[in-house]
Structures are given as C-alpha cells and as structure tokens.
Amino acid sequence: MRTKTPTVSEGAVYAPDLPGGTIRLDTPAWFSWLEAPTTTSFAYPLFDATRGYIRGFMTVRKDRRRRGSAYWSVFRRAGGGMRRVYIGRSVAVTGARLQAIARTLCGAV
C-alpha cells in the first residue's frame, strides 16, 4: 500500500497520517516527527522567486549509519544527474536550512 509523501508548504509539513494533518516546522513536534522511526522522507518545494512559481521538489531522506544513528540528506535530480546535499542529524533540519538548500538548488537547475 502506497501512502502520499509528506510535503512541506508554507512553513508546515502536510501528511494524512499526521495528527491534525500538519506540523509546523522548527517546533518540538517537528523534531519529534523527524526522529520517529516511521519518518523516512518528505518533499520540499523549490520556489523560484524570480519567476514566481515552484520549479519542482527536492526529496529530503533519512538514512541510517552502521552504528544505528540517522542523518538527513537532500536529493534532487537535474540535468541527467543526481545532486545530494548532506544536512546532518534531525536537529539540523530546520526551515532556514531547508530554504537555503532549496535556493541553492533552484539556482543550479
């Protein structure tokens, strides 16, 4: 059974399985959600401010290390290749950090 990928929009993550359907970024609930074993990825929009629309999405994915700890990375397919940007542990996945990565990737597309 496939479920809809959680998506960030206007400072909150939206998913049908979330309590109330949304969680605001950078809140204790956000960081708890990121740490949950069932949270493995979400989509973040690449908004092009010069054109005024979303150019696509980057995938933010949680990976596990051999010793059991987890870290987050951003993936974006563009120009026939795959870009990967390391974020770090869940505490580093903030709205400001995601926005900075999105701006960088939007300019590189």
C-alpha atoms as a PDB file:
ATOM      1  CA  MET A   1       0.000   0.000   0.000  1.00  0.00           C
ATOM      2  CA  ARG A   2       1.468   3.326  -1.053  1.00  0.00           C
ATOM      3  CA  THR A   3       0.881   6.433   1.019  1.00  0.00           C
ATOM      4  CA  LYS A   4       1.208  10.055   0.000  1.00  0.00           C
ATOM      5  CA  THR A   5       4.646  11.550   0.614  1.00  0.00           C
ATOM      6  CA  PRO A   6       4.597  14.223   3.325  1.00  0.00           C
ATOM      7  CA  THR A   7       5.137  17.641   1.737  1.00  0.00           C
ATOM      8  CA  VAL A   8       6.315  20.946   3.200  1.00  0.00           C
ATOM      9  CA  SER A   9       4.361  24.058   2.258  1.00  0.00           C
ATOM     10  CA  GLU A  10       4.210  27.500   3.865  1.00  0.00           C
ATOM     11  CA  GLY A  11       6.209  26.522   6.943  1.00  0.00           C
ATOM     12  CA  ALA A  12       4.451  23.260   7.764  1.00  0.00           C
ATOM     13  CA  VAL A  13       4.607  19.628   6.733  1.00  0.00           C
ATOM     14  CA  TYR A  14       1.360  18.121   5.447  1.00  0.00           C
ATOM     15  CA  ALA A  15       0.520  14.412   5.501  1.00  0.00           C
ATOM     16  CA  PRO A  16      -2.711  12.481   6.009  1.00  0.00           C
ATOM     17  CA  ASP A  17      -1.294  10.393   8.870  1.00  0.00           C
ATOM     18  CA  LEU A  18      -0.216  13.398  10.978  1.00  0.00           C
ATOM     19  CA  PRO A  19      -2.329  14.478  13.950  1.00  0.00           C
ATOM     20  CA  GLY A  20      -4.418  17.336  12.587  1.00  0.00           C
ATOM     21  CA  GLY A  21      -2.832  16.819   9.173  1.00  0.00           C
ATOM     22  CA  THR A  22       0.022  19.321   9.712  1.00  0.00           C
ATOM     23  CA  ILE A  23       3.052  20.074  11.852  1.00  0.00           C
ATOM     24  CA  ARG A  24       4.763  23.487  11.868  1.00  0.00           C
ATOM     25  CA  LEU A  25       8.483  23.488  11.064  1.00  0.00           C
ATOM     26  CA  ASP A  26      11.002  24.206  13.848  1.00  0.00           C
ATOM     27  CA  THR A  27       8.629  23.213  16.654  1.00  0.00           C
ATOM     28  CA  PRO A  28       9.213  20.425  19.178  1.00  0.00           C
ATOM     29  CA  ALA A  29       6.556  18.386  17.319  1.00  0.00           C
ATOM     30  CA  TRP A  30       8.569  18.813  14.082  1.00  0.00           C
ATOM     31  CA  PHE A  31      11.767  17.475  15.611  1.00  0.00           C
ATOM     32  CA  SER A  32       9.876  14.604  17.274  1.00  0.00           C
ATOM     33  CA  TRP A  33       8.340  13.727  13.912  1.00  0.00           C
ATOM     34  CA  LEU A  34      11.778  13.752  12.248  1.00  0.00           C
ATOM     35  CA  GLU A  35      13.142  11.413  14.945  1.00  0.00           C
ATOM     36  CA  ALA A  36      10.245   8.940  14.632  1.00  0.00           C
ATOM     37  CA  PRO A  37      11.293   5.594  13.102  1.00  0.00           C
ATOM     38  CA  THR A  38       8.372   5.761  10.661  1.00  0.00           C
ATOM     39  CA  THR A  39       9.530   9.094   9.205  1.00  0.00           C
ATOM     40  CA  THR A  40      11.868   8.339   6.315  1.00  0.00           C
ATOM     41  CA  SER A  41      11.396  11.173   3.811  1.00  0.00           C
ATOM     42  CA  PHE A  42       9.432  14.238   2.771  1.00  0.00           C
ATOM     43  CA  ALA A  43       9.262  16.623  -0.183  1.00  0.00           C
ATOM     44  CA  TYR A  44      10.269  20.291  -0.096  1.00  0.00           C
ATOM     45  CA  PRO A  45       9.327  22.742  -2.895  1.00  0.00           C
ATOM     46  CA  LEU A  46      11.902  24.572  -4.993  1.00  0.00           C
ATOM     47  CA  PHE A  47      10.290  28.004  -5.327  1.00  0.00           C
ATOM     48  CA  ASP A  48      11.762  30.265  -7.995  1.00  0.00           C
ATOM     49  CA  ALA A  49      11.232  33.790  -6.664  1.00  0.00           C
ATOM     50  CA  THR A  50      12.309  35.412  -9.944  1.00  0.00           C
ATOM     51  CA  ARG A  51       9.584  33.600 -11.863  1.00  0.00           C
ATOM     52  CA  GLY A  52       7.040  33.306  -9.052  1.00  0.00           C
ATOM     53  CA  TYR A  53       6.331  29.579  -9.159  1.00  0.00           C
ATOM     54  CA  ILE A  54       7.518  26.201  -7.900  1.00  0.00           C
ATOM     55  CA  ARG A  55      10.059  24.628 -10.280  1.00  0.00           C
ATOM     56  CA  GLY A  56       9.939  21.212  -8.662  1.00  0.00           C
ATOM     57  CA  PHE A  57      10.644  19.437  -5.414  1.00  0.00           C
ATOM     58  CA  MET A  58      13.677  18.153  -3.589  1.00  0.00           C
ATOM     59  CA  THR A  59      13.432  14.944  -1.607  1.00  0.00           C
ATOM     60  CA  VAL A  60      14.706  15.019   1.957  1.00  0.00           C
ATOM     61  CA  ARG A  61      15.564  11.498   3.079  1.00  0.00           C
ATOM     62  CA  LYS A  62      16.688   9.911   6.339  1.00  0.00           C
ATOM     63  CA  ASP A  63      19.497   7.357   6.070  1.00  0.00           C
ATOM     64  CA  ARG A  64      20.885   5.084   8.752  1.00  0.00           C
ATOM     65  CA  ARG A  65      24.526   4.634   9.622  1.00  0.00           C
ATOM     66  CA  ARG A  66      26.061   1.313  10.585  1.00  0.00           C
ATOM     67  CA  ARG A  67      26.179   2.230  14.262  1.00  0.00           C
ATOM     68  CA  GLY A  68      22.449   2.954  14.329  1.00  0.00           C
ATOM     69  CA  SER A  69      22.367   6.750  14.182  1.00  0.00           C
ATOM     70  CA  ALA A  70      20.405   8.518  11.461  1.00  0.00           C
ATOM     71  CA  TYR A  71      21.172  11.532   9.280  1.00  0.00           C
ATOM     72  CA  TRP A  72      19.266  13.536   6.677  1.00  0.00           C
ATOM     73  CA  SER A  73      20.236  14.342   3.081  1.00  0.00           C
ATOM     74  CA  VAL A  74      18.598  16.223   0.222  1.00  0.00           C
ATOM     75  CA  PHE A  75      18.310  14.686  -3.234  1.00  0.00           C
ATOM     76  CA  ARG A  76      17.422  16.481  -6.463  1.00  0.00           C
ATOM     77  CA  ARG A  77      17.516  15.100  -9.984  1.00  0.00           C
ATOM     78  CA  ALA A  78      18.532  17.695 -12.580  1.00  0.00           C
ATOM     79  CA  GLY A  79      20.296  17.713 -15.923  1.00  0.00           C
ATOM     80  CA  GLY A  80      20.547  13.944 -16.144  1.00  0.00           C
ATOM     81  CA  GLY A  81      22.319  13.681 -12.801  1.00  0.00           C
ATOM     82  CA  MET A  82      21.556  13.455  -9.110  1.00  0.00           C
ATOM     83  CA  ARG A  83      22.602  16.128  -6.610  1.00  0.00           C
ATOM     84  CA  ARG A  84      22.975  15.192  -2.960  1.00  0.00           C
ATOM     85  CA  VAL A  85      23.383  17.654  -0.097  1.00  0.00           C
ATOM     86  CA  TYR A  86      24.157  16.398   3.402  1.00  0.00           C
ATOM     87  CA  ILE A  87      22.140  18.069   6.180  1.00  0.00           C
ATOM     88  CA  GLY A  88      23.008  16.090   9.310  1.00  0.00           C
ATOM     89  CA  ARG A  89      21.031  14.894  12.307  1.00  0.00           C
ATOM     90  CA  SER A  90      17.393  15.805  12.851  1.00  0.00           C
ATOM     91  CA  VAL A  91      18.221  18.914  14.907  1.00  0.00           C
ATOM     92  CA  ALA A  92      19.908  20.385  11.800  1.00  0.00           C
ATOM     93  CA  VAL A  93      16.765  20.011   9.660  1.00  0.00           C
ATOM     94  CA  THR A  94      15.349  23.493  10.187  1.00  0.00           C
ATOM     95  CA  GLY A  95      13.179  25.648   7.989  1.00  0.00           C
ATOM     96  CA  ALA A  96      16.050  28.080   7.395  1.00  0.00           C
ATOM     97  CA  ARG A  97      18.457  25.285   6.393  1.00  0.00           C
ATOM     98  CA  LEU A  98      15.933  23.709   4.012  1.00  0.00           C
ATOM     99  CA  GLN A  99      15.184  27.097   2.462  1.00  0.00           C
ATOM    100  CA  ALA A 100      18.893  27.814   1.932  1.00  0.00           C
ATOM    101  CA  ILE A 101      19.432  24.440   0.242  1.00  0.00           C
ATOM    102  CA  ALA A 102      16.335  24.971  -1.933  1.00  0.00           C
ATOM    103  CA  ARG A 103      17.620  28.385  -3.052  1.00  0.00           C
ATOM    104  CA  THR A 104      20.991  26.871  -3.950  1.00  0.00           C
ATOM    105  CA  LEU A 105      19.414  24.008  -5.894  1.00  0.00           C
ATOM    106  CA  CYS A 106      16.941  26.303  -7.641  1.00  0.00           C
ATOM    107  CA  GLY A 107      19.814  28.457  -8.880  1.00  0.00           C
ATOM    108  CA  ALA A 108      21.743  25.413 -10.067  1.00  0.00           C
ATOM    109  CA  VAL A 109      18.903  23.983 -12.173  1.00  0.00           C
END
